[in-house]
Every structure is written in structure tokens, then in C-alpha cells.
Protein backbone atom coordinates (compact mmCIF):
# COMPACT_ATOMS: atom_id res chain seq x y z
CA UNK A 1 -20.21 56.35 -29.47
CA UNK A 2 -22.24 53.22 -28.59
CA UNK A 3 -25.70 52.61 -30.04
CA UNK A 4 -28.04 49.68 -29.51
CA UNK A 5 -31.09 48.20 -31.20
CA UNK A 6 -33.15 45.04 -30.66
CA UNK A 7 -34.66 42.91 -33.43
CA UNK A 8 -35.98 39.34 -33.21
CA UNK A 9 -34.08 38.36 -30.09
CA UNK A 10 -30.80 39.98 -31.13
CA UNK A 11 -29.37 42.95 -29.24
CA UNK A 12 -27.23 44.78 -31.80
CA UNK A 13 -24.49 46.88 -30.22
CA UNK A 14 -22.70 49.22 -32.59
CA UNK A 15 -19.34 50.86 -31.99
CA UNK A 16 -20.42 54.08 -33.64
CA UNK A 17 -17.44 56.34 -34.10
CA UNK A 18 -16.50 55.74 -37.72
CA UNK A 19 -14.40 58.90 -38.05
CA UNK A 20 -11.98 57.38 -35.50
CA UNK A 21 -12.36 53.81 -36.77
CA UNK A 22 -14.49 53.14 -33.68
CA UNK A 23 -11.56 53.63 -31.30
CA UNK A 24 -12.62 53.60 -27.66
CA UNK A 25 -12.05 56.15 -24.91
CA UNK A 26 -12.76 55.68 -21.19
CA UNK A 27 -16.33 56.83 -21.78
CA UNK A 28 -16.70 54.51 -24.74
CA UNK A 29 -15.56 51.54 -22.68
CA UNK A 30 -17.96 52.42 -19.88
CA UNK A 31 -20.85 52.82 -22.34
CA UNK A 32 -20.03 49.52 -24.04
CA UNK A 33 -19.93 47.69 -20.72
CA UNK A 34 -23.27 49.20 -19.74
CA UNK A 35 -24.80 48.19 -23.08
CA UNK A 36 -23.74 44.58 -22.51
CA UNK A 37 -24.71 44.41 -18.84
CA UNK A 38 -28.20 45.81 -19.46
CA UNK A 39 -28.93 43.45 -22.36
CA UNK A 40 -31.36 40.58 -21.76
CA UNK A 41 -31.71 39.11 -25.24
CA UNK A 42 -30.58 35.56 -26.14
CA UNK A 43 -27.98 36.93 -28.56
CA UNK A 44 -25.76 40.01 -28.58
CA UNK A 45 -24.23 41.11 -31.88
CA UNK A 46 -21.26 43.48 -31.62
CA UNK A 47 -19.98 45.29 -34.69
CA UNK A 48 -18.49 48.57 -35.85
CA UNK A 49 -19.90 51.39 -37.94
CA UNK A 50 -18.20 52.39 -41.17
CA UNK A 51 -15.25 50.52 -42.65
CA UNK A 52 -13.67 49.18 -39.44
CA UNK A 53 -14.66 46.92 -36.57
CA UNK A 54 -12.57 48.69 -33.92
CA UNK A 55 -9.13 50.29 -33.91
CA UNK A 56 -8.78 49.56 -30.19
CA UNK A 57 -7.94 52.24 -27.67
CA UNK A 58 -8.12 55.85 -28.79
CA UNK A 59 -4.46 56.91 -29.02
CA UNK A 60 -5.20 60.45 -27.88
CA UNK A 61 -6.68 59.02 -24.69
CA UNK A 62 -3.67 56.71 -24.26
CA UNK A 63 -1.18 59.56 -24.63
CA UNK A 64 -2.81 61.37 -21.69
CA UNK A 65 -2.21 58.45 -19.29
CA UNK A 66 0.34 58.17 -16.53
CA UNK A 67 1.28 54.89 -14.85
CA UNK A 68 -1.64 54.85 -12.43
CA UNK A 69 -4.26 55.93 -14.94
CA UNK A 70 -2.86 53.46 -17.49
CA UNK A 71 -3.50 50.59 -15.07
CA UNK A 72 -7.03 51.89 -14.52
CA UNK A 73 -7.59 52.17 -18.28
CA UNK A 74 -6.44 48.58 -18.78
CA UNK A 75 -8.78 47.46 -16.01
CA UNK A 76 -11.67 49.25 -17.73
CA UNK A 77 -11.01 47.34 -20.94
CA UNK A 78 -10.65 44.06 -19.07
CA UNK A 79 -13.99 44.60 -17.35
CA UNK A 80 -15.67 45.08 -20.74
CA UNK A 81 -14.12 41.83 -21.95
CA UNK A 82 -15.36 40.06 -18.85
CA UNK A 83 -18.87 41.43 -19.40
CA UNK A 84 -18.85 40.10 -22.96
CA UNK A 85 -17.41 36.72 -21.99
CA UNK A 86 -19.76 36.15 -19.05
CA UNK A 87 -22.96 37.26 -20.80
CA UNK A 88 -25.72 34.67 -20.33
CA UNK A 89 -26.56 34.48 -24.02
CA UNK A 90 -24.44 34.07 -27.12
CA UNK A 91 -22.20 36.98 -28.12
CA UNK A 92 -21.08 37.35 -31.74
CA UNK A 93 -18.48 39.80 -32.99
CA UNK A 94 -19.16 40.75 -36.60
CA UNK A 95 -15.76 41.84 -37.90
CA UNK A 96 -15.89 43.83 -41.12
CA UNK A 97 -12.75 45.79 -41.92
CA UNK A 98 -9.95 46.39 -39.44
CA UNK A 99 -9.75 44.99 -35.92
CA UNK A 100 -6.64 46.32 -34.21
CA UNK A 101 -5.26 45.95 -30.70
CA UNK A 102 -8.13 46.38 -28.29
CA UNK A 103 -10.54 45.68 -31.13
CA UNK A 104 -9.06 42.20 -31.45
CA UNK A 105 -9.33 41.80 -27.69
CA UNK A 106 -13.00 42.74 -27.65
CA UNK A 107 -13.62 40.21 -30.41
CA UNK A 108 -11.70 37.55 -28.45
CA UNK A 109 -14.04 38.06 -25.50
CA UNK A 110 -17.04 37.20 -27.69
CA UNK A 111 -18.22 33.62 -28.15
CA UNK A 112 -17.93 33.74 -31.94
CA UNK A 113 -15.92 35.94 -34.26
CA UNK A 114 -17.55 36.04 -37.67
CA UNK A 115 -15.56 37.87 -40.34
CA UNK A 116 -16.34 39.28 -43.73
CA UNK A 117 -13.84 38.76 -46.58
CA UNK A 118 -12.63 42.34 -45.92
CA UNK A 119 -11.80 41.73 -42.25
CA UNK A 120 -8.23 42.09 -41.00
CA UNK A 121 -6.75 41.47 -37.55
CA UNK A 122 -3.57 42.76 -35.91
CA UNK A 123 -2.14 43.20 -32.42
CA UNK A 124 -0.28 46.30 -33.54
CA UNK A 125 0.53 47.78 -30.14
CA UNK A 126 4.08 46.40 -30.19
CA UNK A 127 4.94 48.85 -32.97
CA UNK A 128 4.13 51.71 -30.56
CA UNK A 129 5.96 50.23 -27.59
CA UNK A 130 2.77 48.89 -26.01
CA UNK A 131 0.59 45.78 -26.10
CA UNK A 132 -3.08 45.01 -25.79
CA UNK A 133 -4.02 44.88 -22.12
CA UNK A 134 -7.77 44.31 -22.28
CA UNK A 135 -7.40 40.58 -21.65
CA UNK A 136 -5.74 39.70 -24.94
CA UNK A 137 -2.60 38.12 -23.52
CA UNK A 138 -4.84 35.65 -21.66
CA UNK A 139 -7.45 34.97 -24.34
CA UNK A 140 -5.37 34.97 -27.55
CA UNK A 141 -3.25 31.89 -26.69
CA UNK A 142 -6.36 30.03 -25.59
CA UNK A 143 -7.93 30.68 -28.98
CA UNK A 144 -5.00 30.23 -31.39
CA UNK A 145 -2.31 28.51 -29.29
CA UNK A 146 0.76 29.98 -27.66
CA UNK A 147 3.03 29.87 -30.71
CA UNK A 148 0.63 31.69 -33.02
CA UNK A 149 -0.29 34.14 -30.25
CA UNK A 150 3.39 35.05 -29.83
CA UNK A 151 3.83 35.40 -33.59
CA UNK A 152 0.83 37.71 -33.91
CA UNK A 153 1.68 39.79 -30.85
CA UNK A 154 5.47 40.08 -31.25
CA UNK A 155 5.32 40.89 -34.96
CA UNK A 156 2.25 43.14 -35.05
CA UNK A 157 1.59 41.80 -38.53
CA UNK A 158 -1.81 41.97 -40.20
CA UNK A 159 -3.81 38.79 -40.76
CA UNK A 160 -6.44 38.74 -43.47
CA UNK A 161 -9.72 36.91 -42.95
CA UNK A 162 -8.45 33.67 -44.50
CA UNK A 163 -5.40 33.42 -42.26
CA UNK A 164 -7.46 34.40 -39.22
CA UNK A 165 -9.86 31.57 -40.05
CA UNK A 166 -7.02 29.08 -40.50
CA UNK A 167 -5.72 29.90 -37.01
CA UNK A 168 -9.18 29.83 -35.40
CA UNK A 169 -9.20 33.56 -34.72
CA UNK A 170 -12.53 33.71 -36.55
CA UNK A 171 -14.96 30.83 -36.94
CA UNK A 172 -16.64 31.79 -40.21
CA UNK A 173 -16.17 34.09 -43.19
CA UNK A 174 -19.48 35.36 -44.54
CA UNK A 175 -20.73 38.42 -46.38
CA UNK A 176 -23.24 39.38 -43.66
CA UNK A 177 -22.11 38.39 -40.13
CA UNK A 178 -25.39 39.48 -38.58
CA UNK A 179 -27.10 36.52 -40.21
CA UNK A 180 -25.15 34.27 -37.83
CA UNK A 181 -26.59 36.18 -34.87
CA UNK A 182 -30.08 35.71 -36.28
CA UNK A 183 -29.37 32.01 -36.78
CA UNK A 184 -28.31 31.55 -33.16
CA UNK A 185 -31.32 33.51 -31.89
CA UNK A 186 -33.51 30.64 -33.12
CA UNK A 187 -31.87 28.22 -30.65
CA UNK A 188 -32.89 27.54 -27.05
CA UNK A 189 -31.38 30.16 -24.69
CA UNK A 190 -31.03 27.75 -21.77
CA UNK A 191 -29.16 25.21 -23.86
CA UNK A 192 -26.84 27.89 -25.27
CA UNK A 193 -26.09 29.15 -21.77
CA UNK A 194 -25.30 25.63 -20.53
CA UNK A 195 -23.06 24.93 -23.53
CA UNK A 196 -21.06 28.12 -22.90
CA UNK A 197 -20.56 27.26 -19.24
CA UNK A 198 -19.49 23.70 -19.94
CA UNK A 199 -17.07 24.49 -22.77
CA UNK A 200 -15.37 27.19 -20.69
CA UNK A 201 -15.14 25.07 -17.54
CA UNK A 202 -11.50 24.83 -16.43
CA UNK A 203 -12.04 22.22 -13.70
CA UNK A 204 -10.49 18.73 -13.80
CA UNK A 205 -12.08 16.24 -16.21
CA UNK A 206 -14.10 14.25 -13.63
CA UNK A 207 -15.57 17.49 -12.28
CA UNK A 208 -16.38 18.66 -15.80
CA UNK A 209 -18.14 15.35 -16.50
CA UNK A 210 -20.20 15.65 -13.31
CA UNK A 211 -21.20 19.22 -14.13
CA UNK A 212 -22.07 18.17 -17.68
CA UNK A 213 -24.43 15.52 -16.36
CA UNK A 214 -26.08 18.01 -14.01
CA UNK A 215 -26.44 20.65 -16.73
CA UNK A 216 -27.97 18.13 -19.15
CA UNK A 217 -30.42 16.92 -16.51
CA UNK A 218 -31.45 20.48 -15.66
CA UNK A 219 -32.64 20.99 -19.25
CA UNK A 220 -34.83 17.90 -19.45
CA UNK A 221 -38.00 19.39 -17.96
CA UNK A 222 -37.98 22.25 -20.47
CA UNK A 223 -37.24 19.80 -23.28
CA UNK A 224 -40.14 17.52 -22.36
CA UNK A 225 -42.50 20.47 -22.19
CA UNK A 226 -41.89 21.34 -25.84
């Protein structure tokens, strides 16, 4: 279900279940988390096999849940999102085709979402009486704003790549998203790590400024050695 390969500083992680539009089961979530946590490359590139990025949770697996196991399943998905978000290097989601529900949430946990012209996004769980619980209700409003997040989540409507870009749900629309991963792999890993930490800092402004100074100073020795 999850395959990996390494080329030129990029760890490529593939959601490899195209017959189910790369929908994830408990095992798939565990394998994806392990693939992220064991990676050491400067850049991780996450994408789906076939004609979809990820359809989210496998509905057959969801139908087998009771209240307790549903909470545990949500926690599994959240832990994968946390692994993606906290990865030391840059993490790029290459979205080609459909991203639905949990697939959108996995993409939201990545640093960049790079779409092809054929990409579509939807939080479609509301149509089934559910909602995405892999961290999406926290991350989506941070990315697109509360109003747009409510529109997307309450309606379940499908956004094409252009509308997703307009709302900031994806940062670029390109024919080959992996080229962005290769581009980032040419940058300094330490600087990328510091940038991620500083941009995601939720402390007060004076504290952020102090930490920014310290992070910049910590990079100087490596810079001068180049």
C-alpha cells in the first residue's frame, strides 16, 4: 500500500493502492507514518499512484468502526499528519487527480501542496454524515481562513486546481509536481528546517523575533564555511 524510493535527496513516498484510489486503512496509516518517521532525506515527496492522490479513509474500514475504535482511527490519522508536519526536512504533496477527505488532510499536513491541472479537492465527509478528523478542522482554517474552510467543509463541494490555488490550498499548479521536490532538494537543509520552525512558531511576536535572531545566528558558521 505504501512504497518508497530515494533519488537525489528526495524520499518519494507513494500511496500505492490505485484500485481503491489510494484510500487508507489502519495498516496503511501505520505504514505511511513509518515511512515518514524513518526518512532522513532533505525532502519528502508524497503522492498517489494512478489517477488519484488519495480518497481519504477506506470506507469499508470506517464502516467496521464503533465509537471507541473510531476515536482510535482518528488518532491514527492525526499522528500521521503530525509526522508529516514535524518532519525535519521539506514535505511536498504532489496532488494529481482527486484528493478527498483524509487525502486533503494529509496534503494539509505537508509544507507545500503542488497540484497538477487535473487535481481536485473536496472535504466530502459531510455528505456521508461524517467529517475529516485527521487534523483537518485545525489545519484547513489556518491555510485558507475560517470562512473558506467552513464553505469547503459544510458544502462538501469539489474545488478544481485553479480555485484551490486562489484560496491558498495549493501553492503551485504544474504538470510535474515532483520537479518542485527536486528544486527544494538543492537548498540547504539546515536553512529549510529553520524556516519551517520560524514560520510555524505560534509564540508572541517578541518571542518570535528573539527566536528568529537565534536561528539566523546558528546558521552563520555553516554559511561562512561554504
